């Protein structure tokens, strides 16, 4: 393993991954530093790994980025390359709702979503995890889009175009209660990410006040109340029942 030092995003990478790692660092640096203006953030350690090195460290299937935390550290796992089998699965799911084509290259979309996984690490650092799967996913989308619009406004419309495409998918059970309760497949996971991103965009449009209120909330239940005040239709997904708030 090789190292690429960074004050906020120290990285370790597999052989041949220096350029890729520097690219990931540069992208996440903009998001990390923008969010850190609102509350301090600890470093997030990156692992940019070949499939072999990935499999030696985790049982998570190779290809989709994910974050992991320990008692003292935040980690983000990033594939050195996106395997063709993953890209093929994504094409199979998305092409039926992409009559006019995809908004861009799938690899570009997946690289953008690294910011979403980084936002999950931010949630942990800021103690914004609620214990409710759907709400944690929405909050990660909000933190990511808030940072993306501030740090890379030129990329923001592209991500929203992907979100609109994802929201056109038709999973069997598009309800928040099912999302919390059931293990979701790829189509379901993509659909909810699209819907959550579009909801988060509405919250981002309201400015910094919502983020300040979230950071001041003393409990997950209070954070949920803050979100409902800002977005009264937050839980309105195709008529699905509104789930109970955290802690109830």
Foldseek 3Di string as FASTA:
>chain_A
DDWDDDQAETEDEDPPQPVVVVVLCVVVVLLQVVVCVLPHDHHEYEYAYEQVVVVVPDPPDPAQKAWDDDPPHIYIYHYSDHDVVVVVVVCVLQVVLPPVHQLDDPVVLRSLCSLLRVLLSVCVRLVLDQPQVLVSSLSSLLSSLLSCCVRPVVCNVSNLSQLVSLLPQDDPDQASVCVRPDDDDPSNVSNSNSVSNVLSVQVSVVPCPLVNQLSVQPHQQSNVVSSCVSPVCNRVDVNHDRDDGGPD
